[in-house]
């Protein structure tokens, strides 16, 4: 992937609601490099989040070219926040997605990826990663972390 060096103009409109006892609801409509982008997110209550209770969430980022969807839970393991989520990426045309963000991406066709992701302080684990990049199918798992202040990446 070859990155271009232009300035990308972003304009956004944010609407959010988070009363303590009602579900969190966020909507963002934006324009990135002249292309519409929409973020929607919902979750448990603000009281759950601030009270360190399990906080369910789901979020979607969509453009005319594709979407990224995630749903999961944020919880605390003693004092450490942990996020467990399923992520799905669905893009009809890789090149048009690159154009939306002013990136030069090869024309590989559709992108369809799903994975389970678990993140906690200093570590990100990806399991059940499966998908297709055009006609190429793949599966993988891996992790990224800095246990000794050095970046460690494991893939299988």
Protein backbone atom coordinates (compact mmCIF):
# COMPACT_ATOMS: atom_id res chain seq x y z
CA UNK A 1 0.00 0.00 0.00
CA UNK A 2 1.41 3.35 -1.01
CA UNK A 3 0.38 6.34 1.10
CA UNK A 4 -0.12 9.70 -0.53
CA UNK A 5 0.78 12.89 1.33
CA UNK A 6 -2.21 15.21 0.85
CA UNK A 7 -4.10 17.04 3.55
CA UNK A 8 -7.47 15.32 4.09
CA UNK A 9 -10.38 17.63 4.87
CA UNK A 10 -12.74 16.32 7.56
CA UNK A 11 -16.08 17.85 8.50
CA UNK A 12 -18.31 16.21 11.13
CA UNK A 13 -21.62 16.50 12.95
CA UNK A 14 -21.86 14.72 16.32
CA UNK A 15 -25.02 13.74 18.18
CA UNK A 16 -24.69 11.84 21.46
CA UNK A 17 -26.85 10.92 24.42
CA UNK A 18 -25.64 9.36 27.65
CA UNK A 19 -28.00 9.89 30.60
CA UNK A 20 -26.70 7.87 33.57
CA UNK A 21 -29.53 5.32 33.56
CA UNK A 22 -30.18 5.07 29.79
CA UNK A 23 -28.16 3.40 27.02
CA UNK A 24 -25.33 5.37 25.43
CA UNK A 25 -26.19 6.39 21.86
CA UNK A 26 -23.74 8.13 19.50
CA UNK A 27 -24.10 9.18 15.88
CA UNK A 28 -21.45 10.95 13.83
CA UNK A 29 -21.96 12.00 10.23
CA UNK A 30 -18.76 13.19 8.60
CA UNK A 31 -17.17 13.98 5.31
CA UNK A 32 -13.61 12.72 4.82
CA UNK A 33 -11.89 14.00 1.69
CA UNK A 34 -15.37 14.79 0.34
CA UNK A 35 -16.73 11.29 0.98
CA UNK A 36 -19.55 10.65 3.47
CA UNK A 37 -18.70 8.56 6.54
CA UNK A 38 -21.14 7.59 9.30
CA UNK A 39 -20.40 6.24 12.77
CA UNK A 40 -23.16 4.83 14.94
CA UNK A 41 -22.56 3.36 18.38
CA UNK A 42 -24.77 2.13 21.18
CA UNK A 43 -23.91 0.66 24.52
CA UNK A 44 -24.94 -0.04 28.05
CA UNK A 45 -25.60 2.77 30.49
CA UNK A 46 -23.14 5.44 31.52
CA UNK A 47 -23.68 4.29 35.12
CA UNK A 48 -22.44 0.80 34.14
CA UNK A 49 -19.39 2.24 32.45
CA UNK A 50 -18.48 4.58 35.32
CA UNK A 51 -19.33 1.91 37.91
CA UNK A 52 -16.97 -0.56 36.21
CA UNK A 53 -19.77 -2.98 35.43
CA UNK A 54 -19.81 -5.00 32.21
CA UNK A 55 -20.61 -2.55 29.39
CA UNK A 56 -22.06 -4.06 26.20
CA UNK A 57 -21.53 -2.09 22.98
CA UNK A 58 -21.87 -2.18 19.23
CA UNK A 59 -20.55 0.22 16.63
CA UNK A 60 -20.54 0.62 12.87
CA UNK A 61 -18.44 2.87 10.66
CA UNK A 62 -19.87 2.99 7.14
CA UNK A 63 -18.91 4.67 3.89
CA UNK A 64 -20.42 4.25 0.46
CA UNK A 65 -17.63 1.74 -0.17
CA UNK A 66 -17.99 -0.54 2.86
CA UNK A 67 -18.33 -0.89 6.59
CA UNK A 68 -16.62 -1.99 9.79
CA UNK A 69 -18.86 -3.43 12.50
CA UNK A 70 -17.93 -4.38 16.07
CA UNK A 71 -19.90 -5.66 19.01
CA UNK A 72 -18.62 -6.75 22.37
CA UNK A 73 -18.17 -5.97 26.02
CA UNK A 74 -15.88 -3.80 28.13
CA UNK A 75 -15.26 -5.14 31.62
CA UNK A 76 -12.70 -4.92 34.41
CA UNK A 77 -10.34 -7.69 35.49
CA UNK A 78 -9.48 -6.40 38.98
CA UNK A 79 -8.24 -2.87 38.03
CA UNK A 80 -7.48 -3.52 34.36
CA UNK A 81 -10.05 -2.71 31.66
CA UNK A 82 -10.54 -5.51 29.11
CA UNK A 83 -12.38 -5.32 25.78
CA UNK A 84 -13.68 -8.42 24.01
CA UNK A 85 -15.30 -7.88 20.62
CA UNK A 86 -16.16 -9.40 17.26
CA UNK A 87 -15.13 -7.28 14.30
CA UNK A 88 -16.41 -7.53 10.71
CA UNK A 89 -15.02 -5.63 7.72
CA UNK A 90 -17.08 -5.64 4.53
CA UNK A 91 -15.86 -3.67 1.50
CA UNK A 92 -17.31 -4.09 -1.99
CA UNK A 93 -14.29 -2.66 -3.84
CA UNK A 94 -10.87 -2.18 -2.23
CA UNK A 95 -9.78 0.53 -4.64
CA UNK A 96 -12.84 2.72 -4.05
CA UNK A 97 -12.30 2.44 -0.30
CA UNK A 98 -8.73 3.61 -0.76
CA UNK A 99 -9.97 6.50 -2.89
CA UNK A 100 -12.37 7.53 -0.11
CA UNK A 101 -9.41 8.09 2.23
CA UNK A 102 -6.96 9.23 -0.45
CA UNK A 103 -4.89 6.03 -0.24
CA UNK A 104 -3.48 4.09 -3.15
CA UNK A 105 -4.74 0.50 -2.62
CA UNK A 106 -4.40 -2.27 -5.22
CA UNK A 107 -7.57 -3.45 -6.95
CA UNK A 108 -8.09 -6.79 -5.23
CA UNK A 109 -11.89 -6.68 -5.34
CA UNK A 110 -14.00 -7.34 -2.27
CA UNK A 111 -12.68 -7.41 1.28
CA UNK A 112 -14.57 -9.56 3.79
CA UNK A 113 -12.88 -10.13 7.17
CA UNK A 114 -14.12 -11.30 10.59
CA UNK A 115 -12.21 -11.76 13.83
CA UNK A 116 -12.48 -12.00 17.58
CA UNK A 117 -10.38 -9.34 19.33
CA UNK A 118 -9.42 -9.13 23.00
CA UNK A 119 -7.53 -6.11 24.29
CA UNK A 120 -6.14 -5.30 27.68
CA UNK A 121 -3.35 -3.09 28.94
CA UNK A 122 -0.30 -3.69 26.76
CA UNK A 123 -1.72 -6.62 24.76
CA UNK A 124 -4.05 -7.18 21.82
CA UNK A 125 -5.08 -10.74 20.83
CA UNK A 126 -6.78 -11.63 17.55
CA UNK A 127 -8.35 -15.08 17.17
CA UNK A 128 -10.66 -16.69 14.65
CA UNK A 129 -9.44 -14.27 11.98
CA UNK A 130 -10.87 -15.39 8.66
CA UNK A 131 -11.75 -13.70 5.44
CA UNK A 132 -11.20 -13.01 1.81
CA UNK A 133 -9.20 -10.40 -0.06
CA UNK A 134 -10.65 -10.70 -3.53
CA UNK A 135 -10.33 -14.38 -4.49
CA UNK A 136 -7.77 -15.13 -1.77
CA UNK A 137 -9.14 -16.78 1.39
CA UNK A 138 -7.17 -16.78 4.65
CA UNK A 139 -7.29 -17.65 8.34
CA UNK A 140 -4.94 -16.53 11.10
CA UNK A 141 -4.57 -15.64 14.73
CA UNK A 142 -2.05 -13.54 16.55
CA UNK A 143 -1.18 -11.10 19.27
CA UNK A 144 0.66 -7.85 19.73
CA UNK A 145 2.11 -6.70 23.03
CA UNK A 146 4.95 -5.00 24.84
CA UNK A 147 5.64 -7.26 27.85
CA UNK A 148 9.21 -6.03 28.30
CA UNK A 149 8.81 -2.59 26.67
CA UNK A 150 9.71 -4.13 23.31
CA UNK A 151 7.09 -4.77 20.66
CA UNK A 152 6.26 -8.50 20.25
CA UNK A 153 4.13 -9.71 17.34
CA UNK A 154 3.02 -13.34 17.06
CA UNK A 155 1.14 -14.70 14.05
CA UNK A 156 -0.06 -18.18 13.20
